[in-house]
Amino acid sequence: MDRNSEQARKGRRIALVIAGVGVFWIVITMIGSQYGWSQRTRALFDLIALAGFGLGIWMTYQLWRARQTDED
């Protein structure tokens, strides 16, 4: 497998992680409001979503650095 297709696969995985975290966050927020969860519980899920988005940013940075290395 050449390097471009590997990077494209990693890019798709990053997109799925970010989209998945976004959908999870929206769904869990709707469930929390429907069942009347406490603010503390909702904040916990907000922090989990924030960690997921942070992971997506970290993965994007790693892919960007790998592409910068390949150009040199």
N, C-alpha and C. Protein backbone atom coordinates (compact mmCIF):
# COMPACT_ATOMS: atom_id res chain seq x y z
N MET A 1 0.86 -1.18 0.00
CA MET A 1 0.00 0.00 0.00
C MET A 1 0.90 1.25 0.00
N ASP A 2 0.64 2.16 -0.91
CA ASP A 2 1.48 3.36 -0.94
C ASP A 2 1.07 4.34 0.14
N ARG A 3 1.93 5.30 0.36
CA ARG A 3 1.76 6.23 1.47
C ARG A 3 0.53 7.13 1.32
N ASN A 4 0.19 7.51 0.08
CA ASN A 4 -0.97 8.39 -0.12
C ASN A 4 -2.27 7.70 0.25
N SER A 5 -2.42 6.45 -0.11
CA SER A 5 -3.67 5.76 0.24
C SER A 5 -3.73 5.49 1.74
N GLU A 6 -2.59 5.28 2.37
CA GLU A 6 -2.56 5.11 3.83
C GLU A 6 -2.97 6.40 4.53
N GLN A 7 -2.48 7.53 4.04
CA GLN A 7 -2.85 8.82 4.62
C GLN A 7 -4.32 9.12 4.37
N ALA A 8 -4.82 8.74 3.21
CA ALA A 8 -6.25 8.95 2.92
C ALA A 8 -7.10 8.11 3.87
N ARG A 9 -6.68 6.89 4.15
CA ARG A 9 -7.40 6.02 5.07
C ARG A 9 -7.41 6.63 6.47
N LYS A 10 -6.27 7.17 6.89
CA LYS A 10 -6.20 7.82 8.20
C LYS A 10 -7.08 9.06 8.24
N GLY A 11 -7.14 9.80 7.15
CA GLY A 11 -8.00 10.97 7.08
C GLY A 11 -9.47 10.60 7.20
N ARG A 12 -9.87 9.50 6.55
CA ARG A 12 -11.25 9.04 6.67
C ARG A 12 -11.56 8.61 8.09
N ARG A 13 -10.60 7.95 8.73
CA ARG A 13 -10.81 7.52 10.11
C ARG A 13 -10.97 8.74 11.02
N ILE A 14 -10.18 9.78 10.80
CA ILE A 14 -10.31 11.00 11.60
C ILE A 14 -11.68 11.62 11.40
N ALA A 15 -12.13 11.67 10.15
CA ALA A 15 -13.46 12.24 9.87
C ALA A 15 -14.55 11.45 10.58
N LEU A 16 -14.43 10.12 10.59
CA LEU A 16 -15.43 9.29 11.28
C LEU A 16 -15.40 9.51 12.78
N VAL A 17 -14.21 9.68 13.35
CA VAL A 17 -14.11 9.93 14.79
C VAL A 17 -14.80 11.24 15.14
N ILE A 18 -14.49 12.29 14.41
CA ILE A 18 -15.07 13.60 14.70
C ILE A 18 -16.59 13.58 14.49
N ALA A 19 -17.04 12.99 13.39
CA ALA A 19 -18.49 12.91 13.14
C ALA A 19 -19.18 12.05 14.19
N GLY A 20 -18.55 10.95 14.56
CA GLY A 20 -19.14 10.07 15.57
C GLY A 20 -19.27 10.75 16.92
N VAL A 21 -18.25 11.49 17.30
CA VAL A 21 -18.30 12.22 18.57
C VAL A 21 -19.39 13.28 18.52
N GLY A 22 -19.51 13.96 17.39
CA GLY A 22 -20.57 14.97 17.24
C GLY A 22 -21.96 14.38 17.36
N VAL A 23 -22.18 13.26 16.70
CA VAL A 23 -23.49 12.60 16.78
C VAL A 23 -23.74 12.10 18.20
N PHE A 24 -22.71 11.49 18.83
CA PHE A 24 -22.84 11.04 20.21
C PHE A 24 -23.24 12.19 21.12
N TRP A 25 -22.59 13.34 20.95
CA TRP A 25 -22.84 14.49 21.81
C TRP A 25 -24.28 14.99 21.65
N ILE A 26 -24.73 15.08 20.41
CA ILE A 26 -26.10 15.56 20.16
C ILE A 26 -27.12 14.59 20.75
N VAL A 27 -26.92 13.30 20.50
CA VAL A 27 -27.87 12.29 20.99
C VAL A 27 -27.89 12.26 22.51
N ILE A 28 -26.74 12.26 23.13
CA ILE A 28 -26.69 12.17 24.59
C ILE A 28 -27.26 13.44 25.23
N THR A 29 -27.12 14.58 24.57
CA THR A 29 -27.71 15.82 25.08
C THR A 29 -29.24 15.75 25.02
N MET A 30 -29.75 15.22 23.92
CA MET A 30 -31.21 15.08 23.80
C MET A 30 -31.74 14.07 24.82
N ILE A 31 -31.05 12.96 25.00
CA ILE A 31 -31.48 11.96 25.98
C ILE A 31 -31.44 12.56 27.39
N GLY A 32 -30.38 13.30 27.69
CA GLY A 32 -30.25 13.91 29.01
C GLY A 32 -31.36 14.89 29.31
N SER A 33 -31.74 15.68 28.31
CA SER A 33 -32.82 16.64 28.55
C SER A 33 -34.18 15.94 28.66
N GLN A 34 -34.35 14.86 27.90
CA GLN A 34 -35.63 14.13 27.94
C GLN A 34 -35.83 13.43 29.28
N TYR A 35 -34.78 12.87 29.83
CA TYR A 35 -34.89 12.14 31.09
C TYR A 35 -34.58 13.00 32.31
N GLY A 36 -34.28 14.26 32.10
CA GLY A 36 -34.07 15.18 33.21
C GLY A 36 -32.81 14.89 34.02
N TRP A 37 -31.73 14.53 33.32
CA TRP A 37 -30.48 14.26 34.02
C TRP A 37 -29.98 15.53 34.70
N SER A 38 -29.22 15.38 35.76
CA SER A 38 -28.68 16.53 36.47
C SER A 38 -27.61 17.22 35.61
N GLN A 39 -27.34 18.46 35.95
CA GLN A 39 -26.30 19.20 35.23
C GLN A 39 -24.94 18.53 35.36
N ARG A 40 -24.73 17.90 36.50
CA ARG A 40 -23.46 17.22 36.73
C ARG A 40 -23.27 16.06 35.77
N THR A 41 -24.31 15.29 35.55
CA THR A 41 -24.25 14.16 34.62
C THR A 41 -24.07 14.67 33.19
N ARG A 42 -24.81 15.70 32.84
CA ARG A 42 -24.67 16.28 31.50
C ARG A 42 -23.27 16.83 31.28
N ALA A 43 -22.71 17.43 32.29
CA ALA A 43 -21.35 17.97 32.19
C ALA A 43 -20.34 16.85 31.99
N LEU A 44 -20.57 15.71 32.62
CA LEU A 44 -19.68 14.57 32.43
C LEU A 44 -19.66 14.15 30.96
N PHE A 45 -20.83 14.05 30.34
CA PHE A 45 -20.88 13.68 28.93
C PHE A 45 -20.32 14.78 28.04
N ASP A 46 -20.47 16.04 28.44
CA ASP A 46 -19.83 17.13 27.70
C ASP A 46 -18.31 16.98 27.74
N LEU A 47 -17.77 16.62 28.89
CA LEU A 47 -16.33 16.43 29.00
C LEU A 47 -15.85 15.23 28.17
N ILE A 48 -16.66 14.18 28.14
CA ILE A 48 -16.32 13.01 27.31
C ILE A 48 -16.29 13.42 25.84
N ALA A 49 -17.28 14.20 25.42
CA ALA A 49 -17.31 14.67 24.03
C ALA A 49 -16.13 15.59 23.75
N LEU A 50 -15.79 16.45 24.69
CA LEU A 50 -14.64 17.33 24.53
C LEU A 50 -13.36 16.52 24.36
N ALA A 51 -13.22 15.46 25.14
CA ALA A 51 -12.05 14.59 25.00
C ALA A 51 -12.03 13.92 23.63
N GLY A 52 -13.19 13.53 23.14
CA GLY A 52 -13.27 12.94 21.80
C GLY A 52 -12.87 13.92 20.71
N PHE A 53 -13.33 15.16 20.83
CA PHE A 53 -12.93 16.17 19.86
C PHE A 53 -11.44 16.48 19.97
N GLY A 54 -10.92 16.46 21.20
CA GLY A 54 -9.48 16.65 21.39
C GLY A 54 -8.69 15.54 20.71
N LEU A 55 -9.19 14.31 20.82
CA LEU A 55 -8.54 13.18 20.14
C LEU A 55 -8.55 13.40 18.64
N GLY A 56 -9.67 13.87 18.11
CA GLY A 56 -9.75 14.16 16.67
C GLY A 56 -8.74 15.22 16.24
N ILE A 57 -8.59 16.25 17.04
CA ILE A 57 -7.61 17.30 16.73
C ILE A 57 -6.20 16.74 16.79
N TRP A 58 -5.92 15.90 17.79
CA TRP A 58 -4.59 15.30 17.93
C TRP A 58 -4.29 14.39 16.73
N MET A 59 -5.26 13.61 16.30
CA MET A 59 -5.07 12.73 15.15
C MET A 59 -4.84 13.55 13.88
N THR A 60 -5.56 14.66 13.74
CA THR A 60 -5.38 15.54 12.59
C THR A 60 -3.98 16.14 12.59
N TYR A 61 -3.51 16.55 13.75
CA TYR A 61 -2.15 17.11 13.86
C TYR A 61 -1.11 16.06 13.48
N GLN A 62 -1.27 14.83 13.94
CA GLN A 62 -0.33 13.77 13.60
C GLN A 62 -0.31 13.51 12.10
N LEU A 63 -1.48 13.50 11.46
CA LEU A 63 -1.54 13.30 10.02
C LEU A 63 -0.88 14.46 9.29
N TRP A 64 -1.12 15.66 9.75
CA TRP A 64 -0.50 16.84 9.13
C TRP A 64 1.02 16.77 9.23
N ARG A 65 1.53 16.38 10.41
CA ARG A 65 2.98 16.26 10.59
C ARG A 65 3.56 15.17 9.69
N ALA A 66 2.84 14.06 9.53
CA ALA A 66 3.31 12.99 8.66
C ALA A 66 3.38 13.47 7.21
N ARG A 67 2.41 14.25 6.80
CA ARG A 67 2.45 14.78 5.43
C ARG A 67 3.57 15.80 5.25
N GLN A 68 3.84 16.58 6.29
CA GLN A 68 4.94 17.54 6.20
C GLN A 68 6.28 16.80 6.07
N THR A 69 6.42 15.71 6.79
CA THR A 69 7.65 14.92 6.72
C THR A 69 7.83 14.29 5.35
N ASP A 70 6.73 13.85 4.73
CA ASP A 70 6.80 13.23 3.42
C ASP A 70 7.21 14.21 2.33
N GLU A 71 6.85 15.48 2.50
CA GLU A 71 7.19 16.48 1.50
C GLU A 71 8.68 16.78 1.47
N ASP A 72 9.34 16.66 2.60
CA ASP A 72 10.78 16.97 2.67
C ASP A 72 11.64 15.87 2.14
